[in-house]
């Protein structure tokens, strides 16, 4: 009887440890994922704001109308490509 009770308690303890470990791992992953998504959203917002400050709307309008790339357009294109890296 004692051996059966001891085995049963050991099995329940092992099951409890496994269950708690799984819960902690999943909650840790969820927190990490949420934090990384927030960081990338902030970074993307900062990049967009920076590029918006650098863009000259009149120059872009001229580029659209003439269908040619100005030096400023090429600069913005190079800047945007370097920021995504």
PDB file of N, CA and C in Angstrom:
ATOM      1  N   UNK A   1       0.817  -1.192   0.000  1.00  0.00           N
ATOM      2  CA  UNK A   1       0.000   0.000   0.000  1.00  0.00           C
ATOM      3  C   UNK A   1       0.865   1.262   0.000  1.00  0.00           C
ATOM      4  N   UNK A   2       1.945   1.267   0.849  1.00  0.00           N
ATOM      5  CA  UNK A   2       2.818   2.424   0.916  1.00  0.00           C
ATOM      6  C   UNK A   2       3.524   2.653  -0.409  1.00  0.00           C
ATOM      7  N   UNK A   3       3.925   1.573  -1.065  1.00  0.00           N
ATOM      8  CA  UNK A   3       4.647   1.692  -2.324  1.00  0.00           C
ATOM      9  C   UNK A   3       3.740   2.276  -3.403  1.00  0.00           C
ATOM     10  N   UNK A   4       2.493   1.850  -3.416  1.00  0.00           N
ATOM     11  CA  UNK A   4       1.551   2.360  -4.408  1.00  0.00           C
ATOM     12  C   UNK A   4       1.280   3.850  -4.167  1.00  0.00           C
ATOM     13  N   UNK A   5       1.137   4.252  -2.923  1.00  0.00           N
ATOM     14  CA  UNK A   5       0.899   5.647  -2.581  1.00  0.00           C
ATOM     15  C   UNK A   5       2.110   6.501  -2.930  1.00  0.00           C
ATOM     16  N   UNK A   6       3.299   6.015  -2.649  1.00  0.00           N
ATOM     17  CA  UNK A   6       4.535   6.721  -2.950  1.00  0.00           C
ATOM     18  C   UNK A   6       4.689   6.902  -4.457  1.00  0.00           C
ATOM     19  N   UNK A   7       4.396   5.869  -5.217  1.00  0.00           N
ATOM     20  CA  UNK A   7       4.486   5.942  -6.676  1.00  0.00           C
ATOM     21  C   UNK A   7       3.461   6.923  -7.224  1.00  0.00           C
ATOM     22  N   UNK A   8       2.282   6.888  -6.668  1.00  0.00           N
ATOM     23  CA  UNK A   8       1.225   7.797  -7.107  1.00  0.00           C
ATOM     24  C   UNK A   8       1.602   9.251  -6.821  1.00  0.00           C
ATOM     25  N   UNK A   9       2.122   9.533  -5.636  1.00  0.00           N
ATOM     26  CA  UNK A   9       2.547  10.891  -5.298  1.00  0.00           C
ATOM     27  C   UNK A   9       3.695  11.355  -6.187  1.00  0.00           C
ATOM     28  N   UNK A  10       4.631  10.480  -6.458  1.00  0.00           N
ATOM     29  CA  UNK A  10       5.753  10.812  -7.333  1.00  0.00           C
ATOM     30  C   UNK A  10       5.262  11.124  -8.741  1.00  0.00           C
ATOM     31  N   UNK A  11       4.343  10.329  -9.242  1.00  0.00           N
ATOM     32  CA  UNK A  11       3.797  10.556 -10.581  1.00  0.00           C
ATOM     33  C   UNK A  11       3.043  11.889 -10.638  1.00  0.00           C
ATOM     34  N   UNK A  12       2.285  12.202  -9.601  1.00  0.00           N
ATOM     35  CA  UNK A  12       1.558  13.475  -9.576  1.00  0.00           C
ATOM     36  C   UNK A  12       2.523  14.657  -9.501  1.00  0.00           C
ATOM     37  N   UNK A  13       3.593  14.518  -8.729  1.00  0.00           N
ATOM     38  CA  UNK A  13       4.592  15.589  -8.644  1.00  0.00           C
ATOM     39  C   UNK A  13       5.290  15.808  -9.984  1.00  0.00           C
ATOM     40  N   UNK A  14       5.641  14.730 -10.644  1.00  0.00           N
ATOM     41  CA  UNK A  14       6.282  14.842 -11.960  1.00  0.00           C
ATOM     42  C   UNK A  14       5.328  15.497 -12.946  1.00  0.00           C
ATOM     43  N   UNK A  15       4.080  15.087 -12.931  1.00  0.00           N
ATOM     44  CA  UNK A  15       3.076  15.680 -13.815  1.00  0.00           C
ATOM     45  C   UNK A  15       2.901  17.169 -13.520  1.00  0.00           C
ATOM     46  N   UNK A  16       2.880  17.537 -12.253  1.00  0.00           N
ATOM     47  CA  UNK A  16       2.750  18.933 -11.862  1.00  0.00           C
ATOM     48  C   UNK A  16       3.948  19.753 -12.341  1.00  0.00           C
ATOM     49  N   UNK A  17       5.141  19.218 -12.192  1.00  0.00           N
ATOM     50  CA  UNK A  17       6.349  19.917 -12.648  1.00  0.00           C
ATOM     51  C   UNK A  17       6.322  20.102 -14.158  1.00  0.00           C
ATOM     52  N   UNK A  18       5.943  19.078 -14.891  1.00  0.00           N
ATOM     53  CA  UNK A  18       5.869  19.170 -16.352  1.00  0.00           C
ATOM     54  C   UNK A  18       4.821  20.197 -16.765  1.00  0.00           C
ATOM     55  N   UNK A  19       3.680  20.164 -16.124  1.00  0.00           N
ATOM     56  CA  UNK A  19       2.604  21.101 -16.446  1.00  0.00           C
ATOM     57  C   UNK A  19       3.014  22.538 -16.144  1.00  0.00           C
ATOM     58  N   UNK A  20       3.600  22.776 -14.985  1.00  0.00           N
ATOM     59  CA  UNK A  20       4.046  24.125 -14.637  1.00  0.00           C
ATOM     60  C   UNK A  20       5.159  24.607 -15.562  1.00  0.00           C
ATOM     61  N   UNK A  21       6.055  23.716 -15.938  1.00  0.00           N
ATOM     62  CA  UNK A  21       7.123  24.080 -16.876  1.00  0.00           C
ATOM     63  C   UNK A  21       6.549  24.485 -18.227  1.00  0.00           C
ATOM     64  N   UNK A  22       5.567  23.747 -18.697  1.00  0.00           N
ATOM     65  CA  UNK A  22       4.937  24.075 -19.981  1.00  0.00           C
ATOM     66  C   UNK A  22       4.226  25.424 -19.904  1.00  0.00           C
ATOM     67  N   UNK A  23       3.531  25.667 -18.811  1.00  0.00           N
ATOM     68  CA  UNK A  23       2.829  26.943 -18.645  1.00  0.00           C
ATOM     69  C   UNK A  23       3.822  28.101 -18.597  1.00  0.00           C
ATOM     70  N   UNK A  24       4.906  27.938 -17.856  1.00  0.00           N
ATOM     71  CA  UNK A  24       5.920  28.988 -17.781  1.00  0.00           C
ATOM     72  C   UNK A  24       6.581  29.227 -19.135  1.00  0.00           C
ATOM     73  N   UNK A  25       6.868  28.161 -19.862  1.00  0.00           N
ATOM     74  CA  UNK A  25       7.489  28.304 -21.180  1.00  0.00           C
ATOM     75  C   UNK A  25       6.561  29.034 -22.141  1.00  0.00           C
ATOM     76  N   UNK A  26       5.297  28.670 -22.153  1.00  0.00           N
ATOM     77  CA  UNK A  26       4.342  29.323 -23.050  1.00  0.00           C
ATOM     78  C   UNK A  26       4.122  30.787 -22.684  1.00  0.00           C
ATOM     79  N   UNK A  27       4.016  31.074 -21.404  1.00  0.00           N
ATOM     80  CA  UNK A  27       3.823  32.473 -21.007  1.00  0.00           C
ATOM     81  C   UNK A  27       5.081  33.293 -21.276  1.00  0.00           C
ATOM     82  N   UNK A  28       6.250  32.711 -21.079  1.00  0.00           N
ATOM     83  CA  UNK A  28       7.504  33.399 -21.402  1.00  0.00           C
ATOM     84  C   UNK A  28       7.608  33.703 -22.883  1.00  0.00           C
ATOM     85  N   UNK A  29       7.232  32.751 -23.707  1.00  0.00           N
ATOM     86  CA  UNK A  29       7.254  32.964 -25.150  1.00  0.00           C
ATOM     87  C   UNK A  29       6.268  34.046 -25.557  1.00  0.00           C
ATOM     88  N   UNK A  30       5.083  34.043 -24.967  1.00  0.00           N
ATOM     89  CA  UNK A  30       4.072  35.053 -25.300  1.00  0.00           C
ATOM     90  C   UNK A  30       4.558  36.457 -24.929  1.00  0.00           C
ATOM     91  N   UNK A  31       5.189  36.588 -23.775  1.00  0.00           N
ATOM     92  CA  UNK A  31       5.729  37.882 -23.355  1.00  0.00           C
ATOM     93  C   UNK A  31       6.846  38.319 -24.292  1.00  0.00           C
ATOM     94  N   UNK A  32       7.747  37.412 -24.629  1.00  0.00           N
ATOM     95  CA  UNK A  32       8.853  37.717 -25.543  1.00  0.00           C
ATOM     96  C   UNK A  32       8.326  38.139 -26.907  1.00  0.00           C
ATOM     97  N   UNK A  33       7.356  37.408 -27.433  1.00  0.00           N
ATOM     98  CA  UNK A  33       6.788  37.702 -28.755  1.00  0.00           C
ATOM     99  C   UNK A  33       6.132  39.075 -28.762  1.00  0.00           C
ATOM    100  N   UNK A  34       5.359  39.363 -27.735  1.00  0.00           N
ATOM    101  CA  UNK A  34       4.684  40.653 -27.635  1.00  0.00           C
ATOM    102  C   UNK A  34       5.699  41.794 -27.563  1.00  0.00           C
ATOM    103  N   UNK A  35       6.744  41.605 -26.787  1.00  0.00           N
ATOM    104  CA  UNK A  35       7.781  42.624 -26.654  1.00  0.00           C
ATOM    105  C   UNK A  35       8.499  42.865 -27.985  1.00  0.00           C
ATOM    106  N   UNK A  36       8.818  41.794 -28.694  1.00  0.00           N
ATOM    107  CA  UNK A  36       9.509  41.941 -29.979  1.00  0.00           C
ATOM    108  C   UNK A  36       8.617  42.623 -31.011  1.00  0.00           C
ATOM    109  N   UNK A  37       7.344  42.301 -31.038  1.00  0.00           N
ATOM    110  CA  UNK A  37       6.418  42.955 -31.973  1.00  0.00           C
ATOM    111  C   UNK A  37       6.343  44.448 -31.664  1.00  0.00           C
ATOM    112  N   UNK A  38       6.260  44.806 -30.390  1.00  0.00           N
ATOM    113  CA  UNK A  38       6.223  46.224 -30.015  1.00  0.00           C
ATOM    114  C   UNK A  38       7.501  46.943 -30.419  1.00  0.00           C
ATOM    115  N   UNK A  39       8.644  46.296 -30.231  1.00  0.00           N
ATOM    116  CA  UNK A  39       9.917  46.915 -30.617  1.00  0.00           C
ATOM    117  C   UNK A  39       9.989  47.146 -32.119  1.00  0.00           C
ATOM    118  N   UNK A  40       9.592  46.147 -32.902  1.00  0.00           N
ATOM    119  CA  UNK A  40       9.631  46.299 -34.358  1.00  0.00           C
ATOM    120  C   UNK A  40       8.634  47.349 -34.834  1.00  0.00           C
ATOM    121  N   UNK A  41       7.480  47.442 -34.199  1.00  0.00           N
ATOM    122  CA  UNK A  41       6.510  48.476 -34.573  1.00  0.00           C
ATOM    123  C   UNK A  41       7.060  49.867 -34.275  1.00  0.00           C
ATOM    124  N   UNK A  42       7.702  50.024 -33.136  1.00  0.00           N
ATOM    125  CA  UNK A  42       8.309  51.312 -32.800  1.00  0.00           C
ATOM    126  C   UNK A  42       9.415  51.665 -33.783  1.00  0.00           C
ATOM    127  N   UNK A  43      10.244  50.684 -34.114  1.00  0.00           N
ATOM    128  CA  UNK A  43      11.334  50.917 -35.062  1.00  0.00           C
ATOM    129  C   UNK A  43      10.779  51.304 -36.426  1.00  0.00           C
ATOM    130  N   UNK A  44       9.772  50.589 -36.899  1.00  0.00           N
ATOM    131  CA  UNK A  44       9.176  50.895 -38.203  1.00  0.00           C
ATOM    132  C   UNK A  44       8.554  52.288 -38.194  1.00  0.00           C
ATOM    133  N   UNK A  45       7.895  52.651 -37.128  1.00  0.00           N
ATOM    134  CA  UNK A  45       7.318  53.994 -37.019  1.00  0.00           C
ATOM    135  C   UNK A  45       8.380  55.079 -37.045  1.00  0.00           C
ATOM    136  N   UNK A  46       9.496  54.827 -36.353  1.00  0.00           N
ATOM    137  CA  UNK A  46      10.600  55.789 -36.357  1.00  0.00           C
ATOM    138  C   UNK A  46      11.197  55.939 -37.751  1.00  0.00           C
ATOM    139  N   UNK A  47      11.353  54.831 -38.457  1.00  0.00           N
ATOM    140  CA  UNK A  47      11.906  54.871 -39.814  1.00  0.00           C
ATOM    141  C   UNK A  47      10.986  55.651 -40.739  1.00  0.00           C
ATOM    142  N   UNK A  48       9.695  55.384 -40.663  1.00  0.00           N
ATOM    143  CA  UNK A  48       8.731  56.085 -41.520  1.00  0.00           C
ATOM    144  C   UNK A  48       8.732  57.582 -41.207  1.00  0.00           C
ATOM    145  N   UNK A  49       8.765  57.939 -39.942  1.00  0.00           N
ATOM    146  CA  UNK A  49       8.792  59.356 -39.564  1.00  0.00           C
ATOM    147  C   UNK A  49      10.054  60.041 -40.078  1.00  0.00           C
ATOM    148  N   UNK A  50      11.176  59.367 -39.944  1.00  0.00           N
ATOM    149  CA  UNK A  50      12.440  59.927 -40.421  1.00  0.00           C
ATOM    150  C   UNK A  50      12.410  60.141 -41.926  1.00  0.00           C
ATOM    151  N   UNK A  51      11.949  59.139 -42.652  1.00  0.00           N
ATOM    152  CA  UNK A  51      11.888  59.269 -44.112  1.00  0.00           C
ATOM    153  C   UNK A  51      10.887  60.341 -44.534  1.00  0.00           C
ATOM    154  N   UNK A  52       9.787  60.459 -43.823  1.00  0.00           N
ATOM    155  CA  UNK A  52       8.789  61.480 -44.158  1.00  0.00           C
ATOM    156  C   UNK A  52       9.368  62.884 -43.997  1.00  0.00           C
ATOM    157  N   UNK A  53      10.244  63.066 -43.001  1.00  0.00           N
ATOM    158  CA  UNK A  53      10.880  64.375 -42.820  1.00  0.00           C
ATOM    159  C   UNK A  53      11.875  64.680 -43.934  1.00  0.00           C
ATOM    160  N   UNK A  54      12.477  63.653 -44.498  1.00  0.00           N
ATOM    161  CA  UNK A  54      13.492  63.840 -45.536  1.00  0.00           C
ATOM    162  C   UNK A  54      12.903  64.048 -46.933  1.00  0.00           C
ATOM    163  N   UNK A  55      11.681  63.612 -47.151  1.00  0.00           N
ATOM    164  CA  UNK A  55      11.087  63.658 -48.491  1.00  0.00           C
ATOM    165  C   UNK A  55      10.675  65.090 -48.837  1.00  0.00           C
ATOM    166  N   UNK A  56      11.024  65.495 -50.051  1.00  0.00           N
ATOM    167  CA  UNK A  56      10.609  66.793 -50.591  1.00  0.00           C
ATOM    168  C   UNK A  56       9.452  66.538 -51.552  1.00  0.00           C
ATOM    169  N   UNK A  57       8.256  66.934 -51.140  1.00  0.00           N
ATOM    170  CA  UNK A  57       7.057  66.653 -51.929  1.00  0.00           C
ATOM    171  C   UNK A  57       7.074  67.281 -53.308  1.00  0.00           C
ATOM    172  N   UNK A  58       7.583  68.508 -53.403  1.00  0.00           N
ATOM    173  CA  UNK A  58       7.631  69.183 -54.708  1.00  0.00           C
ATOM    174  C   UNK A  58       8.560  68.454 -55.670  1.00  0.00           C
ATOM    175  N   UNK A  59       9.696  67.999 -55.146  1.00  0.00           N
ATOM    176  CA  UNK A  59      10.637  67.258 -55.991  1.00  0.00           C
ATOM    177  C   UNK A  59      10.014  65.946 -56.456  1.00  0.00           C
ATOM    178  N   UNK A  60       9.310  65.275 -55.566  1.00  0.00           N
ATOM    179  CA  UNK A  60       8.669  64.017 -55.959  1.00  0.00           C
ATOM    180  C   UNK A  60       7.572  64.253 -56.990  1.00  0.00           C
ATOM    181  N   UNK A  61       6.843  65.357 -56.833  1.00  0.00           N
ATOM    182  CA  UNK A  61       5.813  65.689 -57.816  1.00  0.00           C
ATOM    183  C   UNK A  61       6.446  65.907 -59.192  1.00  0.00           C
ATOM    184  N   UNK A  62       7.587  66.583 -59.223  1.00  0.00           N
ATOM    185  CA  UNK A  62       8.301  66.798 -60.483  1.00  0.00           C
ATOM    186  C   UNK A  62       8.766  65.469 -61.066  1.00  0.00           C
ATOM    187  N   UNK A  63       9.254  64.584 -60.218  1.00  0.00           N
ATOM    188  CA  UNK A  63       9.702  63.260 -60.684  1.00  0.00           C
ATOM    189  C   UNK A  63       8.541  62.482 -61.300  1.00  0.00           C
ATOM    190  N   UNK A  64       7.377  62.576 -60.696  1.00  0.00           N
ATOM    191  CA  UNK A  64       6.198  61.870 -61.213  1.00  0.00           C
ATOM    192  C   UNK A  64       5.781  62.453 -62.553  1.00  0.00           C
ATOM    193  N   UNK A  65       5.777  63.773 -62.639  1.00  0.00           N
ATOM    194  CA  UNK A  65       5.336  64.418 -63.879  1.00  0.00           C
ATOM    195  C   UNK A  65       6.301  64.185 -65.034  1.00  0.00           C
ATOM    196  N   UNK A  66       7.604  64.245 -64.746  1.00  0.00           N
ATOM    197  CA  UNK A  66       8.599  64.085 -65.817  1.00  0.00           C
ATOM    198  C   UNK A  66       9.013  62.631 -66.014  1.00  0.00           C
ATOM    199  N   UNK A  67       8.614  61.774 -65.086  1.00  0.00           N
ATOM    200  CA  UNK A  67       8.973  60.351 -65.123  1.00  0.00           C
ATOM    201  C   UNK A  67      10.489  60.143 -65.155  1.00  0.00           C
ATOM    202  N   UNK A  68      11.193  60.978 -64.394  1.00  0.00           N
ATOM    203  CA  UNK A  68      12.642  60.846 -64.243  1.00  0.00           C
ATOM    204  C   UNK A  68      12.978  60.872 -62.757  1.00  0.00           C
ATOM    205  N   UNK A  69      14.125  60.309 -62.420  1.00  0.00           N
ATOM    206  CA  UNK A  69      14.575  60.284 -61.029  1.00  0.00           C
ATOM    207  C   UNK A  69      15.557  61.429 -60.806  1.00  0.00           C
ATOM    208  N   UNK A  70      15.240  62.280 -59.850  1.00  0.00           N
ATOM    209  CA  UNK A  70      16.150  63.375 -59.500  1.00  0.00           C
ATOM    210  C   UNK A  70      17.222  62.853 -58.545  1.00  0.00           C
ATOM    211  N   UNK A  71      18.202  63.703 -58.273  1.00  0.00           N
ATOM    212  CA  UNK A  71      19.252  63.324 -57.324  1.00  0.00           C
ATOM    213  C   UNK A  71      18.667  63.145 -55.922  1.00  0.00           C
ATOM    214  N   UNK A  72      17.722  63.986 -55.566  1.00  0.00           N
ATOM    215  CA  UNK A  72      17.096  63.859 -54.247  1.00  0.00           C
ATOM    216  C   UNK A  72      16.301  62.551 -54.152  1.00  0.00           C
ATOM    217  N   UNK A  73      15.621  62.197 -55.218  1.00  0.00           N
ATOM    218  CA  UNK A  73      14.882  60.930 -55.252  1.00  0.00           C
ATOM    219  C   UNK A  73      15.841  59.759 -55.053  1.00  0.00           C
ATOM    220  N   UNK A  74      16.976  59.799 -55.755  1.00  0.00           N
ATOM    221  CA  UNK A  74      17.970  58.720 -55.622  1.00  0.00           C
ATOM    222  C   UNK A  74      18.540  58.681 -54.208  1.00  0.00           C
ATOM    223  N   UNK A  75      18.733  59.862 -53.622  1.00  0.00           N
ATOM    224  CA  UNK A  75      19.230  59.936 -52.248  1.00  0.00           C
ATOM    225  C   UNK A  75      18.231  59.296 -51.281  1.00  0.00           C
ATOM    226  N   UNK A  76      16.957  59.641 -51.414  1.00  0.00           N
ATOM    227  CA  UNK A  76      15.921  59.075 -50.537  1.00  0.00           C
ATOM    228  C   UNK A  76      15.819  57.568 -50.740  1.00  0.00           C
ATOM    229  N   UNK A  77      15.915  57.127 -51.981  1.00  0.00           N
ATOM    230  CA  UNK A  77      15.843  55.692 -52.272  1.00  0.00           C
ATOM    231  C   UNK A  77      17.008  54.955 -51.616  1.00  0.00           C
ATOM    232  N   UNK A  78      18.208  55.522 -51.724  1.00  0.00           N
ATOM    233  CA  UNK A  78      19.391  54.909 -51.102  1.00  0.00           C
ATOM    234  C   UNK A  78      19.264  54.924 -49.581  1.00  0.00           C
ATOM    235  N   UNK A  79      18.761  56.027 -49.043  1.00  0.00           N
ATOM    236  CA  UNK A  79      18.575  56.145 -47.597  1.00  0.00           C
ATOM    237  C   UNK A  79      17.570  55.111 -47.088  1.00  0.00           C
ATOM    238  N   UNK A  80      16.456  54.961 -47.786  1.00  0.00           N
ATOM    239  CA  UNK A  80      15.431  53.989 -47.377  1.00  0.00           C
ATOM    240  C   UNK A  80      15.978  52.568 -47.439  1.00  0.00           C
ATOM    241  N   UNK A  81      16.748  52.268 -48.462  1.00  0.00           N
ATOM    242  CA  UNK A  81      17.324  50.923 -48.574  1.00  0.00           C
ATOM    243  C   UNK A  81      18.346  50.658 -47.481  1.00  0.00           C
ATOM    244  N   UNK A  82      19.086  51.677 -47.071  1.00  0.00           N
ATOM    245  CA  UNK A  82      20.082  51.465 -46.017  1.00  0.00           C
ATOM    246  C   UNK A  82      19.418  51.325 -44.646  1.00  0.00           C
ATOM    247  N   UNK A  83      18.262  51.954 -44.449  1.00  0.00           N
ATOM    248  CA  UNK A  83      17.584  51.868 -43.152  1.00  0.00           C
ATOM    249  C   UNK A  83      16.945  50.516 -42.911  1.00  0.00           C
ATOM    250  N   UNK A  84      16.536  49.834 -43.935  1.00  0.00           N
ATOM    251  CA  UNK A  84      15.863  48.547 -43.726  1.00  0.00           C
ATOM    252  C   UNK A  84      16.839  47.437 -43.369  1.00  0.00           C
ATOM    253  N   UNK A  85      18.123  47.680 -43.512  1.00  0.00           N
ATOM    254  CA  UNK A  85      19.131  46.647 -43.223  1.00  0.00           C
ATOM    255  C   UNK A  85      19.459  46.562 -41.783  1.00  0.00           C
TER     256      UNK A  85
END
